[in-house]
Amino acid sequence: VAKNFPLGQYKVVEVEAPYGYVLNPNE
């Protein structure tokens, strides 16, 4: 959870997958 974002649009990308899993490239 992340708080206090000013209103607007953001993009979220996975940069590190959990152990045993393949990185999800889709933002």
PDB file of all heavy atoms in Angstrom:
ATOM      1  N   VAL A   1       0.840  -1.195   0.000  1.00  0.00           N
ATOM      2  CA  VAL A   1       0.000   0.000   0.000  1.00  0.00           C
ATOM      3  C   VAL A   1       0.875   1.245   0.000  1.00  0.00           C
ATOM      4  O   VAL A   1       1.842   1.338   0.761  1.00  0.00           O
ATOM      5  CB  VAL A   1      -0.941   0.015   1.223  1.00  0.00           C
ATOM      6  CG1 VAL A   1      -1.804   1.275   1.215  1.00  0.00           C
ATOM      7  CG2 VAL A   1      -1.837  -1.227   1.239  1.00  0.00           C
ATOM      8  N   ALA A   2       0.542   2.190  -0.861  1.00  0.00           N
ATOM      9  CA  ALA A   2       1.210   3.493  -0.898  1.00  0.00           C
ATOM     10  C   ALA A   2       0.145   4.579  -0.799  1.00  0.00           C
ATOM     11  O   ALA A   2      -0.912   4.477  -1.429  1.00  0.00           O
ATOM     12  CB  ALA A   2       2.027   3.662  -2.171  1.00  0.00           C
ATOM     13  N   LYS A   3       0.419   5.612  -0.012  1.00  0.00           N
ATOM     14  CA  LYS A   3      -0.569   6.649   0.259  1.00  0.00           C
ATOM     15  C   LYS A   3      -0.089   8.013  -0.231  1.00  0.00           C
ATOM     16  O   LYS A   3       1.043   8.187  -0.639  1.00  0.00           O
ATOM     17  CB  LYS A   3      -0.879   6.696   1.754  1.00  0.00           C
ATOM     18  CG  LYS A   3      -1.407   5.384   2.330  1.00  0.00           C
ATOM     19  CD  LYS A   3      -1.682   5.501   3.822  1.00  0.00           C
ATOM     20  CE  LYS A   3      -2.233   4.204   4.391  1.00  0.00           C
ATOM     21  NZ  LYS A   3      -2.522   4.310   5.845  1.00  0.00           N
ATOM     22  N   ASN A   4      -1.035   8.957  -0.172  1.00  0.00           N
ATOM     23  CA  ASN A   4      -0.760  10.376  -0.422  1.00  0.00           C
ATOM     24  C   ASN A   4      -0.267  10.666  -1.840  1.00  0.00           C
ATOM     25  O   ASN A   4       0.645  11.473  -2.041  1.00  0.00           O
ATOM     26  CB  ASN A   4       0.236  10.915   0.607  1.00  0.00           C
ATOM     27  CG  ASN A   4      -0.312  10.852   2.024  1.00  0.00           C
ATOM     28  OD1 ASN A   4      -1.481  11.133   2.270  1.00  0.00           O
ATOM     29  ND2 ASN A   4       0.542  10.462   2.965  1.00  0.00           N
ATOM     30  N   PHE A   5      -0.895  10.022  -2.822  1.00  0.00           N
ATOM     31  CA  PHE A   5      -0.615  10.365  -4.209  1.00  0.00           C
ATOM     32  C   PHE A   5      -1.422  11.600  -4.599  1.00  0.00           C
ATOM     33  O   PHE A   5      -2.650  11.617  -4.435  1.00  0.00           O
ATOM     34  CB  PHE A   5      -1.002   9.219  -5.149  1.00  0.00           C
ATOM     35  CG  PHE A   5      -0.075   8.038  -5.112  1.00  0.00           C
ATOM     36  CD1 PHE A   5      -0.359   6.935  -4.338  1.00  0.00           C
ATOM     37  CD2 PHE A   5       1.083   8.039  -5.859  1.00  0.00           C
ATOM     38  CE1 PHE A   5       0.492   5.839  -4.299  1.00  0.00           C
ATOM     39  CE2 PHE A   5       1.941   6.953  -5.842  1.00  0.00           C
ATOM     40  CZ  PHE A   5       1.648   5.853  -5.058  1.00  0.00           C
ATOM     41  N   PRO A   6      -0.792  12.635  -5.141  1.00  0.00           N
ATOM     42  CA  PRO A   6      -1.574  13.712  -5.735  1.00  0.00           C
ATOM     43  C   PRO A   6      -2.450  13.163  -6.857  1.00  0.00           C
ATOM     44  O   PRO A   6      -2.068  12.203  -7.542  1.00  0.00           O
ATOM     45  CB  PRO A   6      -0.503  14.664  -6.277  1.00  0.00           C
ATOM     46  CG  PRO A   6       0.735  14.347  -5.502  1.00  0.00           C
ATOM     47  CD  PRO A   6       0.664  12.876  -5.202  1.00  0.00           C
ATOM     48  N   LEU A   7      -3.616  13.756  -7.046  1.00  0.00           N
ATOM     49  CA  LEU A   7      -4.544  13.243  -8.043  1.00  0.00           C
ATOM     50  C   LEU A   7      -3.925  13.319  -9.434  1.00  0.00           C
ATOM     51  O   LEU A   7      -3.234  14.264  -9.788  1.00  0.00           O
ATOM     52  CB  LEU A   7      -5.857  14.019  -7.993  1.00  0.00           C
ATOM     53  CG  LEU A   7      -6.590  14.019  -6.646  1.00  0.00           C
ATOM     54  CD1 LEU A   7      -7.971  14.666  -6.785  1.00  0.00           C
ATOM     55  CD2 LEU A   7      -6.718  12.630  -6.063  1.00  0.00           C
ATOM     56  N   GLY A   8      -4.191  12.271 -10.230  1.00  0.00           N
ATOM     57  CA  GLY A   8      -3.644  12.172 -11.572  1.00  0.00           C
ATOM     58  C   GLY A   8      -3.484  10.717 -11.973  1.00  0.00           C
ATOM     59  O   GLY A   8      -3.963   9.803 -11.284  1.00  0.00           O
ATOM     60  N   GLN A   9      -2.788  10.506 -13.075  1.00  0.00           N
ATOM     61  CA  GLN A   9      -2.609   9.153 -13.607  1.00  0.00           C
ATOM     62  C   GLN A   9      -1.177   8.671 -13.387  1.00  0.00           C
ATOM     63  O   GLN A   9      -0.216   9.417 -13.595  1.00  0.00           O
ATOM     64  CB  GLN A   9      -2.945   9.097 -15.099  1.00  0.00           C
ATOM     65  CG  GLN A   9      -2.971   7.688 -15.673  1.00  0.00           C
ATOM     66  CD  GLN A   9      -3.371   7.646 -17.129  1.00  0.00           C
ATOM     67  OE1 GLN A   9      -2.609   8.050 -18.000  1.00  0.00           O
ATOM     68  NE2 GLN A   9      -4.569   7.143 -17.407  1.00  0.00           N
ATOM     69  N   TYR A  10      -1.052   7.387 -13.019  1.00  0.00           N
ATOM     70  CA  TYR A  10       0.230   6.776 -12.747  1.00  0.00           C
ATOM     71  C   TYR A  10       0.313   5.421 -13.449  1.00  0.00           C
ATOM     72  O   TYR A  10      -0.716   4.811 -13.767  1.00  0.00           O
ATOM     73  CB  TYR A  10       0.433   6.578 -11.239  1.00  0.00           C
ATOM     74  CG  TYR A  10       0.384   7.867 -10.449  1.00  0.00           C
ATOM     75  CD1 TYR A  10      -0.832   8.420 -10.043  1.00  0.00           C
ATOM     76  CD2 TYR A  10       1.548   8.537 -10.090  1.00  0.00           C
ATOM     77  CE1 TYR A  10      -0.881   9.605  -9.329  1.00  0.00           C
ATOM     78  CE2 TYR A  10       1.508   9.714  -9.357  1.00  0.00           C
ATOM     79  CZ  TYR A  10       0.285  10.241  -8.988  1.00  0.00           C
ATOM     80  OH  TYR A  10       0.252  11.411  -8.272  1.00  0.00           O
ATOM     81  N   LYS A  11       1.536   4.964 -13.687  1.00  0.00           N
ATOM     82  CA  LYS A  11       1.734   3.611 -14.205  1.00  0.00           C
ATOM     83  C   LYS A  11       2.556   2.814 -13.204  1.00  0.00           C
ATOM     84  O   LYS A  11       3.450   3.339 -12.538  1.00  0.00           O
ATOM     85  CB  LYS A  11       2.401   3.621 -15.580  1.00  0.00           C
ATOM     86  CG  LYS A  11       3.840   4.058 -15.600  1.00  0.00           C
ATOM     87  CD  LYS A  11       4.443   3.915 -17.001  1.00  0.00           C
ATOM     88  CE  LYS A  11       5.922   4.290 -17.033  1.00  0.00           C
ATOM     89  NZ  LYS A  11       6.497   4.147 -18.398  1.00  0.00           N
ATOM     90  N   VAL A  12       2.221   1.531 -13.112  1.00  0.00           N
ATOM     91  CA  VAL A  12       2.851   0.631 -12.144  1.00  0.00           C
ATOM     92  C   VAL A  12       3.507  -0.513 -12.919  1.00  0.00           C
ATOM     93  O   VAL A  12       2.862  -1.141 -13.768  1.00  0.00           O
ATOM     94  CB  VAL A  12       1.825   0.087 -11.139  1.00  0.00           C
ATOM     95  CG1 VAL A  12       2.506  -0.783 -10.085  1.00  0.00           C
ATOM     96  CG2 VAL A  12       1.062   1.228 -10.472  1.00  0.00           C
ATOM     97  N   VAL A  13       4.774  -0.769 -12.621  1.00  0.00           N
ATOM     98  CA  VAL A  13       5.494  -1.849 -13.287  1.00  0.00           C
ATOM     99  C   VAL A  13       6.156  -2.736 -12.232  1.00  0.00           C
ATOM    100  O   VAL A  13       6.621  -2.268 -11.201  1.00  0.00           O
ATOM    101  CB  VAL A  13       6.565  -1.310 -14.266  1.00  0.00           C
ATOM    102  CG1 VAL A  13       5.924  -0.548 -15.404  1.00  0.00           C
ATOM    103  CG2 VAL A  13       7.568  -0.411 -13.546  1.00  0.00           C
ATOM    104  N   GLU A  14       6.157  -4.029 -12.512  1.00  0.00           N
ATOM    105  CA  GLU A  14       6.844  -4.972 -11.642  1.00  0.00           C
ATOM    106  C   GLU A  14       8.319  -5.000 -12.024  1.00  0.00           C
ATOM    107  O   GLU A  14       8.661  -5.171 -13.203  1.00  0.00           O
ATOM    108  CB  GLU A  14       6.235  -6.367 -11.764  1.00  0.00           C
ATOM    109  CG  GLU A  14       6.838  -7.379 -10.787  1.00  0.00           C
ATOM    110  CD  GLU A  14       6.201  -8.758 -10.897  1.00  0.00           C
ATOM    111  OE1 GLU A  14       5.505  -9.020 -11.896  1.00  0.00           O
ATOM    112  OE2 GLU A  14       6.395  -9.584  -9.988  1.00  0.00           O
ATOM    113  N   VAL A  15       9.193  -4.824 -11.050  1.00  0.00           N
ATOM    114  CA  VAL A  15      10.629  -4.813 -11.318  1.00  0.00           C
ATOM    115  C   VAL A  15      11.344  -5.997 -10.682  1.00  0.00           C
ATOM    116  O   VAL A  15      12.491  -6.289 -11.034  1.00  0.00           O
ATOM    117  CB  VAL A  15      11.275  -3.494 -10.843  1.00  0.00           C
ATOM    118  CG1 VAL A  15      10.750  -2.329 -11.651  1.00  0.00           C
ATOM    119  CG2 VAL A  15      11.041  -3.249  -9.349  1.00  0.00           C
ATOM    120  N   GLU A  16      10.698  -6.681  -9.771  1.00  0.00           N
ATOM    121  CA  GLU A  16      11.311  -7.846  -9.143  1.00  0.00           C
ATOM    122  C   GLU A  16      10.216  -8.836  -8.762  1.00  0.00           C
ATOM    123  O   GLU A  16       9.304  -8.517  -7.997  1.00  0.00           O
ATOM    124  CB  GLU A  16      12.094  -7.424  -7.899  1.00  0.00           C
ATOM    125  CG  GLU A  16      12.938  -8.521  -7.279  1.00  0.00           C
ATOM    126  CD  GLU A  16      13.790  -8.026  -6.145  1.00  0.00           C
ATOM    127  OE1 GLU A  16      14.420  -6.956  -6.313  1.00  0.00           O
ATOM    128  OE2 GLU A  16      13.838  -8.692  -5.084  1.00  0.00           O
ATOM    129  N   ALA A  17      10.315 -10.037  -9.342  1.00  0.00           N
ATOM    130  CA  ALA A  17       9.321 -11.075  -9.073  1.00  0.00           C
ATOM    131  C   ALA A  17       9.648 -11.807  -7.778  1.00  0.00           C
ATOM    132  O   ALA A  17      10.811 -11.860  -7.364  1.00  0.00           O
ATOM    133  CB  ALA A  17       9.258 -12.062 -10.226  1.00  0.00           C
ATOM    134  N   PRO A  18       8.633 -12.392  -7.128  1.00  0.00           N
ATOM    135  CA  PRO A  18       8.912 -13.217  -5.944  1.00  0.00           C
ATOM    136  C   PRO A  18       9.736 -14.444  -6.330  1.00  0.00           C
ATOM    137  O   PRO A  18       9.754 -14.851  -7.499  1.00  0.00           O
ATOM    138  CB  PRO A  18       7.507 -13.624  -5.460  1.00  0.00           C
ATOM    139  CG  PRO A  18       6.561 -12.705  -6.145  1.00  0.00           C
ATOM    140  CD  PRO A  18       7.190 -12.320  -7.431  1.00  0.00           C
ATOM    141  N   TYR A  19      10.385 -15.037  -5.335  1.00  0.00           N
ATOM    142  CA  TYR A  19      11.178 -16.246  -5.565  1.00  0.00           C
ATOM    143  C   TYR A  19      10.311 -17.329  -6.187  1.00  0.00           C
ATOM    144  O   TYR A  19       9.218 -17.638  -5.709  1.00  0.00           O
ATOM    145  CB  TYR A  19      11.790 -16.746  -4.258  1.00  0.00           C
ATOM    146  CG  TYR A  19      12.635 -17.995  -4.413  1.00  0.00           C
ATOM    147  CD1 TYR A  19      13.996 -17.894  -4.685  1.00  0.00           C
ATOM    148  CD2 TYR A  19      12.072 -19.259  -4.316  1.00  0.00           C
ATOM    149  CE1 TYR A  19      14.780 -19.032  -4.857  1.00  0.00           C
ATOM    150  CE2 TYR A  19      12.833 -20.410  -4.480  1.00  0.00           C
ATOM    151  CZ  TYR A  19      14.183 -20.285  -4.742  1.00  0.00           C
ATOM    152  OH  TYR A  19      14.933 -21.427  -4.924  1.00  0.00           O
ATOM    153  N   GLY A  20      10.805 -17.899  -7.282  1.00  0.00           N
ATOM    154  CA  GLY A  20      10.108 -18.995  -7.932  1.00  0.00           C
ATOM    155  C   GLY A  20       9.168 -18.572  -9.041  1.00  0.00           C
ATOM    156  O   GLY A  20       8.528 -19.430  -9.659  1.00  0.00           O
ATOM    157  N   TYR A  21       9.112 -17.260  -9.352  1.00  0.00           N
ATOM    158  CA  TYR A  21       8.142 -16.775 -10.320  1.00  0.00           C
ATOM    159  C   TYR A  21       8.814 -15.954 -11.419  1.00  0.00           C
ATOM    160  O   TYR A  21       9.920 -15.444 -11.262  1.00  0.00           O
ATOM    161  CB  TYR A  21       7.056 -15.949  -9.626  1.00  0.00           C
ATOM    162  CG  TYR A  21       6.191 -16.789  -8.719  1.00  0.00           C
ATOM    163  CD1 TYR A  21       6.608 -17.080  -7.420  1.00  0.00           C
ATOM    164  CD2 TYR A  21       5.005 -17.333  -9.162  1.00  0.00           C
ATOM    165  CE1 TYR A  21       5.850 -17.878  -6.587  1.00  0.00           C
ATOM    166  CE2 TYR A  21       4.227 -18.133  -8.332  1.00  0.00           C
ATOM    167  CZ  TYR A  21       4.661 -18.401  -7.050  1.00  0.00           C
ATOM    168  OH  TYR A  21       3.897 -19.205  -6.237  1.00  0.00           O
ATOM    169  N   VAL A  22       8.096 -15.857 -12.528  1.00  0.00           N
ATOM    170  CA  VAL A  22       8.588 -15.143 -13.699  1.00  0.00           C
ATOM    171  C   VAL A  22       8.059 -13.715 -13.660  1.00  0.00           C
ATOM    172  O   VAL A  22       6.888 -13.473 -13.361  1.00  0.00           O
ATOM    173  CB  VAL A  22       8.149 -15.841 -14.995  1.00  0.00           C
ATOM    174  CG1 VAL A  22       8.681 -15.094 -16.215  1.00  0.00           C
ATOM    175  CG2 VAL A  22       8.623 -17.291 -15.007  1.00  0.00           C
ATOM    176  N   LEU A  23       8.907 -12.754 -13.972  1.00  0.00           N
ATOM    177  CA  LEU A  23       8.535 -11.348 -13.959  1.00  0.00           C
ATOM    178  C   LEU A  23       7.394 -11.077 -14.929  1.00  0.00           C
ATOM    179  O   LEU A  23       7.399 -11.533 -16.074  1.00  0.00           O
ATOM    180  CB  LEU A  23       9.745 -10.490 -14.335  1.00  0.00           C
ATOM    181  CG  LEU A  23       9.580  -8.962 -14.220  1.00  0.00           C
ATOM    182  CD1 LEU A  23       9.533  -8.558 -12.758  1.00  0.00           C
ATOM    183  CD2 LEU A  23      10.724  -8.245 -14.931  1.00  0.00           C
ATOM    184  N   ASN A  24       6.403 -10.319 -14.448  1.00  0.00           N
ATOM    185  CA  ASN A  24       5.290  -9.903 -15.298  1.00  0.00           C
ATOM    186  C   ASN A  24       5.692  -8.623 -16.032  1.00  0.00           C
ATOM    187  O   ASN A  24       5.885  -7.585 -15.415  1.00  0.00           O
ATOM    188  CB  ASN A  24       4.048  -9.652 -14.443  1.00  0.00           C
ATOM    189  CG  ASN A  24       2.801  -9.397 -15.269  1.00  0.00           C
ATOM    190  OD1 ASN A  24       2.871  -8.949 -16.413  1.00  0.00           O
ATOM    191  ND2 ASN A  24       1.637  -9.666 -14.709  1.00  0.00           N
ATOM    192  N   PRO A  25       5.819  -8.659 -17.369  1.00  0.00           N
ATOM    193  CA  PRO A  25       6.309  -7.482 -18.116  1.00  0.00           C
ATOM    194  C   PRO A  25       5.248  -6.436 -18.398  1.00  0.00           C
ATOM    195  O   PRO A  25       5.555  -5.357 -18.917  1.00  0.00           O
ATOM    196  CB  PRO A  25       6.818  -8.102 -19.416  1.00  0.00           C
ATOM    197  CG  PRO A  25       5.901  -9.283 -19.628  1.00  0.00           C
ATOM    198  CD  PRO A  25       5.559  -9.805 -18.257  1.00  0.00           C
ATOM    199  N   ASN A  26       3.992  -6.703 -18.071  1.00  0.00           N
ATOM    200  CA  ASN A  26       2.885  -5.829 -18.439  1.00  0.00           C
ATOM    201  C   ASN A  26       2.660  -4.756 -17.386  1.00  0.00           C
ATOM    202  O   ASN A  26       2.353  -5.051 -16.236  1.00  0.00           O
ATOM    203  CB  ASN A  26       1.603  -6.643 -18.635  1.00  0.00           C
ATOM    204  CG  ASN A  26       1.751  -7.697 -19.714  1.00  0.00           C
ATOM    205  OD1 ASN A  26       2.300  -7.439 -20.789  1.00  0.00           O
ATOM    206  ND2 ASN A  26       1.284  -8.909 -19.439  1.00  0.00           N
ATOM    207  N   GLU A  27       2.819  -3.487 -17.784  1.00  0.00           N
ATOM    208  CA  GLU A  27       2.523  -2.386 -16.875  1.00  0.00           C
ATOM    209  C   GLU A  27       1.030  -2.158 -16.788  1.00  0.00           C
ATOM    210  O   GLU A  27       0.273  -2.504 -17.692  1.00  0.00           O
ATOM    211  CB  GLU A  27       3.228  -1.110 -17.329  1.00  0.00           C
ATOM    212  CG  GLU A  27       2.700  -0.531 -18.633  1.00  0.00           C
ATOM    213  CD  GLU A  27       3.386   0.757 -19.020  1.00  0.00           C
ATOM    214  OE1 GLU A  27       4.619   0.855 -18.858  1.00  0.00           O
ATOM    215  OE2 GLU A  27       2.691   1.663 -19.516  1.00  0.00           O
TER     216      GLU A  27
END
